[in-house]
Amino acid sequence: MSNIVNELHSTVMDNRDSLAVDAEQELTFSGLWSLTDRFAGGLRAHDINKGESVGICLTDPTDLLVAVYGTLRNGCVPVVFPPTCSTRGWRRDSTKSTPPH
């Protein structure tokens, strides 16, 4: 795990029931870790492996946080795009995803 994921895990273990995300739908540290782990598992289920880049384009801050942490948890590199960015024409192959030229 990356250092930031190790820190998150350590924080979760020390503060399981404490509030981690104060948003419309509150989220405890244990809830954040569960969603993060689930996201990482989803990446693995889709054969997205350690070292690969994962494009993330989300408007909800909680979803964005879960996606970034889950990507890091899986050993991947999160690449965050603004919601206004169009990904039409991008492709994913066995080696990498590349933007259109």
PDB file of N, CA and C in Angstrom:
ATOM      1  N   MET A   1       0.834  -1.184   0.000  1.00  0.00           N
ATOM      2  CA  MET A   1       0.000   0.000   0.000  1.00  0.00           C
ATOM      3  C   MET A   1       0.879   1.248   0.000  1.00  0.00           C
ATOM      4  N   SER A   2       0.369   2.293  -0.594  1.00  0.00           N
ATOM      5  CA  SER A   2       1.096   3.558  -0.599  1.00  0.00           C
ATOM      6  C   SER A   2       1.052   4.187   0.793  1.00  0.00           C
ATOM      7  N   ASN A   3       1.946   5.136   1.020  1.00  0.00           N
ATOM      8  CA  ASN A   3       1.999   5.796   2.317  1.00  0.00           C
ATOM      9  C   ASN A   3       0.674   6.436   2.711  1.00  0.00           C
ATOM     10  N   ILE A   4       0.007   7.082   1.758  1.00  0.00           N
ATOM     11  CA  ILE A   4      -1.262   7.742   2.087  1.00  0.00           C
ATOM     12  C   ILE A   4      -2.332   6.711   2.455  1.00  0.00           C
ATOM     13  N   VAL A   5      -2.321   5.563   1.814  1.00  0.00           N
ATOM     14  CA  VAL A   5      -3.287   4.524   2.140  1.00  0.00           C
ATOM     15  C   VAL A   5      -2.947   3.916   3.499  1.00  0.00           C
ATOM     16  N   ASN A   6      -1.655   3.749   3.799  1.00  0.00           N
ATOM     17  CA  ASN A   6      -1.254   3.277   5.126  1.00  0.00           C
ATOM     18  C   ASN A   6      -1.721   4.252   6.202  1.00  0.00           C
ATOM     19  N   GLU A   7      -1.579   5.546   5.939  1.00  0.00           N
ATOM     20  CA  GLU A   7      -2.023   6.564   6.892  1.00  0.00           C
ATOM     21  C   GLU A   7      -3.542   6.519   7.075  1.00  0.00           C
ATOM     22  N   LEU A   8      -4.271   6.367   5.974  1.00  0.00           N
ATOM     23  CA  LEU A   8      -5.727   6.264   6.060  1.00  0.00           C
ATOM     24  C   LEU A   8      -6.107   5.046   6.896  1.00  0.00           C
ATOM     25  N   HIS A   9      -5.486   3.917   6.636  1.00  0.00           N
ATOM     26  CA  HIS A   9      -5.792   2.692   7.370  1.00  0.00           C
ATOM     27  C   HIS A   9      -5.497   2.869   8.858  1.00  0.00           C
ATOM     28  N   SER A  10      -4.371   3.482   9.175  1.00  0.00           N
ATOM     29  CA  SER A  10      -4.014   3.737  10.567  1.00  0.00           C
ATOM     30  C   SER A  10      -5.050   4.657  11.233  1.00  0.00           C
ATOM     31  N   THR A  11      -5.462   5.694  10.524  1.00  0.00           N
ATOM     32  CA  THR A  11      -6.470   6.622  11.043  1.00  0.00           C
ATOM     33  C   THR A  11      -7.797   5.903  11.258  1.00  0.00           C
ATOM     34  N   VAL A  12      -8.160   5.035  10.325  1.00  0.00           N
ATOM     35  CA  VAL A  12      -9.401   4.269  10.448  1.00  0.00           C
ATOM     36  C   VAL A  12      -9.355   3.394  11.697  1.00  0.00           C
ATOM     37  N   MET A  13      -8.236   2.709  11.907  1.00  0.00           N
ATOM     38  CA  MET A  13      -8.123   1.812  13.053  1.00  0.00           C
ATOM     39  C   MET A  13      -8.227   2.584  14.380  1.00  0.00           C
ATOM     40  N   ASP A  14      -7.730   3.814  14.397  1.00  0.00           N
ATOM     41  CA  ASP A  14      -7.759   4.632  15.611  1.00  0.00           C
ATOM     42  C   ASP A  14      -9.080   5.374  15.814  1.00  0.00           C
ATOM     43  N   ASN A  15      -9.870   5.527  14.753  1.00  0.00           N
ATOM     44  CA  ASN A  15     -11.077   6.366  14.807  1.00  0.00           C
ATOM     45  C   ASN A  15     -12.263   5.747  14.089  1.00  0.00           C
ATOM     46  N   ARG A  16     -12.436   4.480  14.191  1.00  0.00           N
ATOM     47  CA  ARG A  16     -13.448   3.764  13.402  1.00  0.00           C
ATOM     48  C   ARG A  16     -14.814   4.452  13.320  1.00  0.00           C
ATOM     49  N   ASP A  17     -15.323   4.889  14.462  1.00  0.00           N
ATOM     50  CA  ASP A  17     -16.681   5.439  14.498  1.00  0.00           C
ATOM     51  C   ASP A  17     -16.727   6.959  14.423  1.00  0.00           C
ATOM     52  N   SER A  18     -15.563   7.587  14.265  1.00  0.00           N
ATOM     53  CA  SER A  18     -15.514   9.048  14.166  1.00  0.00           C
ATOM     54  C   SER A  18     -15.917   9.491  12.764  1.00  0.00           C
ATOM     55  N   LEU A  19     -16.411  10.712  12.684  1.00  0.00           N
ATOM     56  CA  LEU A  19     -16.847  11.273  11.410  1.00  0.00           C
ATOM     57  C   LEU A  19     -15.644  11.576  10.521  1.00  0.00           C
ATOM     58  N   ALA A  20     -15.621  11.008   9.324  1.00  0.00           N
ATOM     59  CA  ALA A  20     -14.540  11.231   8.363  1.00  0.00           C
ATOM     60  C   ALA A  20     -14.967  12.235   7.304  1.00  0.00           C
ATOM     61  N   VAL A  21     -16.218  12.151   6.876  1.00  0.00           N
ATOM     62  CA  VAL A  21     -16.743  13.035   5.840  1.00  0.00           C
ATOM     63  C   VAL A  21     -18.027  13.661   6.367  1.00  0.00           C
ATOM     64  N   ASP A  22     -18.010  14.984   6.463  1.00  0.00           N
ATOM     65  CA  ASP A  22     -19.174  15.728   6.922  1.00  0.00           C
ATOM     66  C   ASP A  22     -19.862  16.313   5.692  1.00  0.00           C
ATOM     67  N   ALA A  23     -20.747  15.535   5.132  1.00  0.00           N
ATOM     68  CA  ALA A  23     -21.454  15.932   3.913  1.00  0.00           C
ATOM     69  C   ALA A  23     -22.935  15.626   4.095  1.00  0.00           C
ATOM     70  N   GLU A  24     -23.688  15.735   3.007  1.00  0.00           N
ATOM     71  CA  GLU A  24     -25.118  15.437   3.065  1.00  0.00           C
ATOM     72  C   GLU A  24     -25.355  14.068   3.701  1.00  0.00           C
ATOM     73  N   GLN A  25     -24.581  13.085   3.253  1.00  0.00           N
ATOM     74  CA  GLN A  25     -24.616  11.768   3.867  1.00  0.00           C
ATOM     75  C   GLN A  25     -23.293  11.589   4.609  1.00  0.00           C
ATOM     76  N   GLU A  26     -23.348  11.654   5.948  1.00  0.00           N
ATOM     77  CA  GLU A  26     -22.137  11.551   6.751  1.00  0.00           C
ATOM     78  C   GLU A  26     -21.509  10.174   6.594  1.00  0.00           C
ATOM     79  N   LEU A  27     -20.189  10.130   6.758  1.00  0.00           N
ATOM     80  CA  LEU A  27     -19.452   8.895   6.568  1.00  0.00           C
ATOM     81  C   LEU A  27     -18.391   8.776   7.655  1.00  0.00           C
ATOM     82  N   THR A  28     -18.404   7.660   8.380  1.00  0.00           N
ATOM     83  CA  THR A  28     -17.387   7.418   9.399  1.00  0.00           C
ATOM     84  C   THR A  28     -16.104   6.926   8.729  1.00  0.00           C
ATOM     85  N   PHE A  29     -15.028   6.883   9.497  1.00  0.00           N
ATOM     86  CA  PHE A  29     -13.776   6.372   8.951  1.00  0.00           C
ATOM     87  C   PHE A  29     -13.899   4.910   8.532  1.00  0.00           C
ATOM     88  N   SER A  30     -14.603   4.102   9.324  1.00  0.00           N
ATOM     89  CA  SER A  30     -14.762   2.702   8.919  1.00  0.00           C
ATOM     90  C   SER A  30     -15.607   2.591   7.653  1.00  0.00           C
ATOM     91  N   GLY A  31     -16.610   3.464   7.508  1.00  0.00           N
ATOM     92  CA  GLY A  31     -17.401   3.477   6.279  1.00  0.00           C
ATOM     93  C   GLY A  31     -16.577   3.908   5.081  1.00  0.00           C
ATOM     94  N   LEU A  32     -15.727   4.913   5.278  1.00  0.00           N
ATOM     95  CA  LEU A  32     -14.841   5.369   4.200  1.00  0.00           C
ATOM     96  C   LEU A  32     -13.895   4.256   3.779  1.00  0.00           C
ATOM     97  N   TRP A  33     -13.335   3.539   4.755  1.00  0.00           N
ATOM     98  CA  TRP A  33     -12.421   2.442   4.434  1.00  0.00           C
ATOM     99  C   TRP A  33     -13.148   1.334   3.680  1.00  0.00           C
ATOM    100  N   SER A  34     -14.359   1.013   4.100  1.00  0.00           N
ATOM    101  CA  SER A  34     -15.136  -0.039   3.425  1.00  0.00           C
ATOM    102  C   SER A  34     -15.400   0.320   1.967  1.00  0.00           C
ATOM    103  N   LEU A  35     -15.807   1.562   1.720  1.00  0.00           N
ATOM    104  CA  LEU A  35     -16.064   1.994   0.343  1.00  0.00           C
ATOM    105  C   LEU A  35     -14.771   2.017  -0.474  1.00  0.00           C
ATOM    106  N   THR A  36     -13.690   2.455   0.158  1.00  0.00           N
ATOM    107  CA  THR A  36     -12.382   2.486  -0.507  1.00  0.00           C
ATOM    108  C   THR A  36     -11.954   1.083  -0.909  1.00  0.00           C
ATOM    109  N   ASP A  37     -12.104   0.139   0.012  1.00  0.00           N
ATOM    110  CA  ASP A  37     -11.723  -1.248  -0.251  1.00  0.00           C
ATOM    111  C   ASP A  37     -12.605  -1.858  -1.333  1.00  0.00           C
ATOM    112  N   ARG A  38     -13.886  -1.519  -1.306  1.00  0.00           N
ATOM    113  CA  ARG A  38     -14.820  -2.021  -2.327  1.00  0.00           C
ATOM    114  C   ARG A  38     -14.470  -1.482  -3.714  1.00  0.00           C
ATOM    115  N   PHE A  39     -14.091  -0.199  -3.764  1.00  0.00           N
ATOM    116  CA  PHE A  39     -13.697   0.398  -5.042  1.00  0.00           C
ATOM    117  C   PHE A  39     -12.441  -0.295  -5.581  1.00  0.00           C
ATOM    118  N   ALA A  40     -11.468  -0.527  -4.700  1.00  0.00           N
ATOM    119  CA  ALA A  40     -10.239  -1.213  -5.111  1.00  0.00           C
ATOM    120  C   ALA A  40     -10.556  -2.615  -5.632  1.00  0.00           C
ATOM    121  N   GLY A  41     -11.470  -3.302  -4.960  1.00  0.00           N
ATOM    122  CA  GLY A  41     -11.880  -4.630  -5.410  1.00  0.00           C
ATOM    123  C   GLY A  41     -12.553  -4.588  -6.772  1.00  0.00           C
ATOM    124  N   GLY A  42     -13.318  -3.537  -7.018  1.00  0.00           N
ATOM    125  CA  GLY A  42     -13.952  -3.375  -8.334  1.00  0.00           C
ATOM    126  C   GLY A  42     -12.930  -3.188  -9.436  1.00  0.00           C
ATOM    127  N   LEU A  43     -11.865  -2.449  -9.130  1.00  0.00           N
ATOM    128  CA  LEU A  43     -10.798  -2.277 -10.122  1.00  0.00           C
ATOM    129  C   LEU A  43     -10.152  -3.632 -10.441  1.00  0.00           C
ATOM    130  N   ARG A  44      -9.860  -4.400  -9.389  1.00  0.00           N
ATOM    131  CA  ARG A  44      -9.253  -5.722  -9.599  1.00  0.00           C
ATOM    132  C   ARG A  44     -10.189  -6.628 -10.397  1.00  0.00           C
ATOM    133  N   ALA A  45     -11.486  -6.554 -10.107  1.00  0.00           N
ATOM    134  CA  ALA A  45     -12.472  -7.372 -10.817  1.00  0.00           C
ATOM    135  C   ALA A  45     -12.521  -7.034 -12.303  1.00  0.00           C
ATOM    136  N   HIS A  46     -12.132  -5.804 -12.646  1.00  0.00           N
ATOM    137  CA  HIS A  46     -12.109  -5.378 -14.044  1.00  0.00           C
ATOM    138  C   HIS A  46     -10.693  -5.452 -14.633  1.00  0.00           C
ATOM    139  N   ASP A  47      -9.835  -6.245 -13.989  1.00  0.00           N
ATOM    140  CA  ASP A  47      -8.458  -6.461 -14.465  1.00  0.00           C
ATOM    141  C   ASP A  47      -7.661  -5.169 -14.590  1.00  0.00           C
ATOM    142  N   ILE A  48      -7.895  -4.246 -13.689  1.00  0.00           N
ATOM    143  CA  ILE A  48      -7.094  -3.024 -13.621  1.00  0.00           C
ATOM    144  C   ILE A  48      -6.086  -3.266 -12.510  1.00  0.00           C
ATOM    145  N   ASN A  49      -4.822  -3.336 -12.881  1.00  0.00           N
ATOM    146  CA  ASN A  49      -3.785  -3.819 -11.990  1.00  0.00           C
ATOM    147  C   ASN A  49      -2.843  -2.735 -11.504  1.00  0.00           C
ATOM    148  N   LYS A  50      -2.052  -3.103 -10.524  1.00  0.00           N
ATOM    149  CA  LYS A  50      -1.058  -2.219  -9.930  1.00  0.00           C
ATOM    150  C   LYS A  50      -0.225  -1.531 -11.012  1.00  0.00           C
ATOM    151  N   GLY A  51      -0.038  -0.228 -10.841  1.00  0.00           N
ATOM    152  CA  GLY A  51       0.768   0.546 -11.771  1.00  0.00           C
ATOM    153  C   GLY A  51      -0.004   1.170 -12.915  1.00  0.00           C
ATOM    154  N   GLU A  52      -1.226   0.714 -13.153  1.00  0.00           N
ATOM    155  CA  GLU A  52      -2.021   1.286 -14.237  1.00  0.00           C
ATOM    156  C   GLU A  52      -2.636   2.616 -13.795  1.00  0.00           C
ATOM    157  N   SER A  53      -2.885   3.480 -14.751  1.00  0.00           N
ATOM    158  CA  SER A  53      -3.553   4.751 -14.488  1.00  0.00           C
ATOM    159  C   SER A  53      -5.060   4.554 -14.542  1.00  0.00           C
ATOM    160  N   VAL A  54      -5.763   5.249 -13.654  1.00  0.00           N
ATOM    161  CA  VAL A  54      -7.221   5.180 -13.614  1.00  0.00           C
ATOM    162  C   VAL A  54      -7.762   6.600 -13.729  1.00  0.00           C
ATOM    163  N   GLY A  55      -8.512   6.856 -14.791  1.00  0.00           N
ATOM    164  CA  GLY A  55      -9.131   8.159 -14.978  1.00  0.00           C
ATOM    165  C   GLY A  55     -10.350   8.302 -14.087  1.00  0.00           C
ATOM    166  N   ILE A  56     -10.438   9.435 -13.393  1.00  0.00           N
ATOM    167  CA  ILE A  56     -11.548   9.690 -12.475  1.00  0.00           C
ATOM    168  C   ILE A  56     -12.148  11.052 -12.814  1.00  0.00           C
ATOM    169  N   CYS A  57     -13.446  11.061 -13.051  1.00  0.00           N
ATOM    170  CA  CYS A  57     -14.139  12.307 -13.383  1.00  0.00           C
ATOM    171  C   CYS A  57     -15.467  12.312 -12.633  1.00  0.00           C
ATOM    172  N   LEU A  58     -15.451  12.840 -11.409  1.00  0.00           N
ATOM    173  CA  LEU A  58     -16.629  12.834 -10.552  1.00  0.00           C
ATOM    174  C   LEU A  58     -16.885  14.228  -9.992  1.00  0.00           C
ATOM    175  N   THR A  59     -18.144  14.550  -9.779  1.00  0.00           N
ATOM    176  CA  THR A  59     -18.467  15.856  -9.216  1.00  0.00           C
ATOM    177  C   THR A  59     -18.719  15.802  -7.713  1.00  0.00           C
ATOM    178  N   ASP A  60     -19.136  14.653  -7.197  1.00  0.00           N
ATOM    179  CA  ASP A  60     -19.414  14.524  -5.773  1.00  0.00           C
ATOM    180  C   ASP A  60     -18.102  14.348  -5.000  1.00  0.00           C
ATOM    181  N   PRO A  61     -17.810  15.224  -4.038  1.00  0.00           N
ATOM    182  CA  PRO A  61     -16.537  15.150  -3.312  1.00  0.00           C
ATOM    183  C   PRO A  61     -16.308  13.823  -2.584  1.00  0.00           C
ATOM    184  N   THR A  62     -17.362  13.251  -1.996  1.00  0.00           N
ATOM    185  CA  THR A  62     -17.204  11.976  -1.293  1.00  0.00           C
ATOM    186  C   THR A  62     -16.876  10.863  -2.276  1.00  0.00           C
ATOM    187  N   ASP A  63     -17.584  10.816  -3.391  1.00  0.00           N
ATOM    188  CA  ASP A  63     -17.303   9.805  -4.411  1.00  0.00           C
ATOM    189  C   ASP A  63     -15.885   9.967  -4.951  1.00  0.00           C
ATOM    190  N   LEU A  64     -15.460  11.200  -5.146  1.00  0.00           N
ATOM    191  CA  LEU A  64     -14.111  11.475  -5.634  1.00  0.00           C
ATOM    192  C   LEU A  64     -13.071  10.965  -4.642  1.00  0.00           C
ATOM    193  N   LEU A  65     -13.284  11.233  -3.357  1.00  0.00           N
ATOM    194  CA  LEU A  65     -12.361  10.780  -2.321  1.00  0.00           C
ATOM    195  C   LEU A  65     -12.267   9.254  -2.295  1.00  0.00           C
ATOM    196  N   VAL A  66     -13.398   8.587  -2.354  1.00  0.00           N
ATOM    197  CA  VAL A  66     -13.432   7.121  -2.362  1.00  0.00           C
ATOM    198  C   VAL A  66     -12.705   6.583  -3.594  1.00  0.00           C
ATOM    199  N   ALA A  67     -12.944   7.182  -4.743  1.00  0.00           N
ATOM    200  CA  ALA A  67     -12.306   6.721  -5.984  1.00  0.00           C
ATOM    201  C   ALA A  67     -10.787   6.909  -5.937  1.00  0.00           C
ATOM    202  N   VAL A  68     -10.331   8.057  -5.444  1.00  0.00           N
ATOM    203  CA  VAL A  68      -8.891   8.304  -5.370  1.00  0.00           C
ATOM    204  C   VAL A  68      -8.242   7.338  -4.383  1.00  0.00           C
ATOM    205  N   TYR A  69      -8.801   7.224  -3.175  1.00  0.00           N
ATOM    206  CA  TYR A  69      -8.242   6.295  -2.191  1.00  0.00           C
ATOM    207  C   TYR A  69      -8.320   4.850  -2.679  1.00  0.00           C
ATOM    208  N   GLY A  70      -9.427   4.470  -3.301  1.00  0.00           N
ATOM    209  CA  GLY A  70      -9.565   3.103  -3.802  1.00  0.00           C
ATOM    210  C   GLY A  70      -8.571   2.795  -4.904  1.00  0.00           C
ATOM    211  N   THR A  71      -8.314   3.780  -5.750  1.00  0.00           N
ATOM    212  CA  THR A  71      -7.323   3.617  -6.813  1.00  0.00           C
ATOM    213  C   THR A  71      -5.936   3.414  -6.210  1.00  0.00           C
ATOM    214  N   LEU A  72      -5.606   4.251  -5.227  1.00  0.00           N
ATOM    215  CA  LEU A  72      -4.318   4.103  -4.541  1.00  0.00           C
ATOM    216  C   LEU A  72      -4.248   2.779  -3.793  1.00  0.00           C
ATOM    217  N   ARG A  73      -5.342   2.380  -3.175  1.00  0.00           N
ATOM    218  CA  ARG A  73      -5.397   1.106  -2.436  1.00  0.00           C
ATOM    219  C   ARG A  73      -5.087  -0.061  -3.356  1.00  0.00           C
ATOM    220  N   ASN A  74      -5.473   0.050  -4.603  1.00  0.00           N
ATOM    221  CA  ASN A  74      -5.222  -1.005  -5.585  1.00  0.00           C
ATOM    222  C   ASN A  74      -3.817  -0.899  -6.192  1.00  0.00           C
ATOM    223  N   GLY A  75      -3.054   0.107  -5.789  1.00  0.00           N
ATOM    224  CA  GLY A  75      -1.700   0.278  -6.325  1.00  0.00           C
ATOM    225  C   GLY A  75      -1.658   0.974  -7.666  1.00  0.00           C
ATOM    226  N   CYS A  76      -2.757   1.600  -8.031  1.00  0.00           N
ATOM    227  CA  CYS A  76      -2.857   2.294  -9.314  1.00  0.00           C
ATOM    228  C   CYS A  76      -2.604   3.789  -9.132  1.00  0.00           C
ATOM    229  N   VAL A  77      -2.557   4.487 -10.244  1.00  0.00           N
ATOM    230  CA  VAL A  77      -2.318   5.927 -10.244  1.00  0.00           C
ATOM    231  C   VAL A  77      -3.622   6.644 -10.596  1.00  0.00           C
ATOM    232  N   PRO A  78      -4.181   7.431  -9.642  1.00  0.00           N
ATOM    233  CA  PRO A  78      -5.404   8.164  -9.962  1.00  0.00           C
ATOM    234  C   PRO A  78      -5.087   9.386 -10.828  1.00  0.00           C
ATOM    235  N   VAL A  79      -5.855   9.547 -11.891  1.00  0.00           N
ATOM    236  CA  VAL A  79      -5.722  10.704 -12.772  1.00  0.00           C
ATOM    237  C   VAL A  79      -7.087  11.385 -12.768  1.00  0.00           C
ATOM    238  N   VAL A  80      -7.159  12.536 -12.091  1.00  0.00           N
ATOM    239  CA  VAL A  80      -8.438  13.213 -11.905  1.00  0.00           C
ATOM    240  C   VAL A  80      -8.641  14.246 -13.007  1.00  0.00           C
ATOM    241  N   PHE A  81      -9.807  14.170 -13.645  1.00  0.00           N
ATOM    242  CA  PHE A  81     -10.175  15.090 -14.716  1.00  0.00           C
ATOM    243  C   PHE A  81     -11.314  15.978 -14.238  1.00  0.00           C
ATOM    244  N   PRO A  82     -11.369  17.212 -14.692  1.00  0.00           N
ATOM    245  CA  PRO A  82     -12.507  18.065 -14.332  1.00  0.00           C
ATOM    246  C   PRO A  82     -13.781  17.533 -14.991  1.00  0.00           C
ATOM    247  N   PRO A  83     -14.915  17.750 -14.347  1.00  0.00           N
ATOM    248  CA  PRO A  83     -16.182  17.251 -14.894  1.00  0.00           C
ATOM    249  C   PRO A  83     -16.484  17.755 -16.303  1.00  0.00           C
ATOM    250  N   THR A  84     -15.883  18.856 -16.706  1.00  0.00           N
ATOM    251  CA  THR A  84     -16.141  19.396 -18.038  1.00  0.00           C
ATOM    252  C   THR A  84     -15.320  18.712 -19.123  1.00  0.00           C
ATOM    253  N   CYS A  85     -14.419  17.834 -18.738  1.00  0.00           N
ATOM    254  CA  CYS A  85     -13.541  17.144 -19.694  1.00  0.00           C
ATOM    255  C   CYS A  85     -14.313  16.028 -20.399  1.00  0.00           C
ATOM    256  N   SER A  86     -14.266  16.012 -21.704  1.00  0.00           N
ATOM    257  CA  SER A  86     -14.906  14.947 -22.468  1.00  0.00           C
ATOM    258  C   SER A  86     -13.919  13.803 -22.668  1.00  0.00           C
ATOM    259  N   THR A  87     -14.346  12.599 -22.351  1.00  0.00           N
ATOM    260  CA  THR A  87     -13.500  11.426 -22.570  1.00  0.00           C
ATOM    261  C   THR A  87     -13.900  10.664 -23.829  1.00  0.00           C
ATOM    262  N   ARG A  88     -14.807  11.225 -24.585  1.00  0.00           N
ATOM    263  CA  ARG A  88     -15.238  10.574 -25.813  1.00  0.00           C
ATOM    264  C   ARG A  88     -14.028  10.429 -26.735  1.00  0.00           C
ATOM    265  N   GLY A  89     -13.832   9.275 -27.271  1.00  0.00           N
ATOM    266  CA  GLY A  89     -12.706   9.025 -28.158  1.00  0.00           C
ATOM    267  C   GLY A  89     -11.501   8.423 -27.446  1.00  0.00           C
ATOM    268  N   TRP A  90     -11.559   8.329 -26.106  1.00  0.00           N
ATOM    269  CA  TRP A  90     -10.465   7.691 -25.388  1.00  0.00           C
ATOM    270  C   TRP A  90     -10.646   6.186 -25.506  1.00  0.00           C
ATOM    271  N   ARG A  91      -9.590   5.466 -25.324  1.00  0.00           N
ATOM    272  CA  ARG A  91      -9.679   4.009 -25.405  1.00  0.00           C
ATOM    273  C   ARG A  91      -8.857   3.384 -24.293  1.00  0.00           C
ATOM    274  N   ARG A  92      -9.194   2.146 -23.975  1.00  0.00           N
ATOM    275  CA  ARG A  92      -8.413   1.380 -23.015  1.00  0.00           C
ATOM    276  C   ARG A  92      -7.962   0.123 -23.722  1.00  0.00           C
ATOM    277  N   ASP A  93      -6.640  -0.095 -23.695  1.00  0.00           N
ATOM    278  CA  ASP A  93      -6.150  -1.361 -24.221  1.00  0.00           C
ATOM    279  C   ASP A  93      -5.367  -2.050 -23.106  1.00  0.00           C
ATOM    280  N   SER A  94      -4.681  -3.112 -23.418  1.00  0.00           N
ATOM    281  CA  SER A  94      -4.004  -3.899 -22.385  1.00  0.00           C
ATOM    282  C   SER A  94      -2.808  -3.174 -21.778  1.00  0.00           C
ATOM    283  N   THR A  95      -2.355  -2.085 -22.405  1.00  0.00           N
ATOM    284  CA  THR A  95      -1.170  -1.424 -21.855  1.00  0.00           C
ATOM    285  C   THR A  95      -1.458  -0.059 -21.256  1.00  0.00           C
ATOM    286  N   LYS A  96      -2.373   0.707 -21.830  1.00  0.00           N
ATOM    287  CA  LYS A  96      -2.634   2.040 -21.289  1.00  0.00           C
ATOM    288  C   LYS A  96      -3.853   2.666 -21.953  1.00  0.00           C
ATOM    289  N   SER A  97      -4.341   3.711 -21.327  1.00  0.00           N
ATOM    290  CA  SER A  97      -5.399   4.526 -21.919  1.00  0.00           C
ATOM    291  C   SER A  97      -4.757   5.802 -22.418  1.00  0.00           C
ATOM    292  N   THR A  98      -5.143   6.212 -23.603  1.00  0.00           N
ATOM    293  CA  THR A  98      -4.525   7.406 -24.166  1.00  0.00           C
ATOM    294  C   THR A  98      -5.573   8.367 -24.676  1.00  0.00           C
ATOM    295  N   PRO A  99      -5.341   9.656 -24.516  1.00  0.00           N
ATOM    296  CA  PRO A  99      -6.302  10.624 -25.040  1.00  0.00           C
ATOM    297  C   PRO A  99      -6.204  10.708 -26.562  1.00  0.00           C
ATOM    298  N   PRO A 100      -7.249  11.180 -27.210  1.00  0.00           N
ATOM    299  CA  PRO A 100      -7.204  11.352 -28.657  1.00  0.00           C
ATOM    300  C   PRO A 100      -6.213  12.442 -29.027  1.00  0.00           C
ATOM    301  N   HIS A 101      -5.650  12.378 -30.200  1.00  0.00           N
ATOM    302  CA  HIS A 101      -4.669  13.385 -30.668  1.00  0.00           C
ATOM    303  C   HIS A 101      -5.340  14.504 -31.386  1.00  0.00           C
TER     304      HIS A 101
END
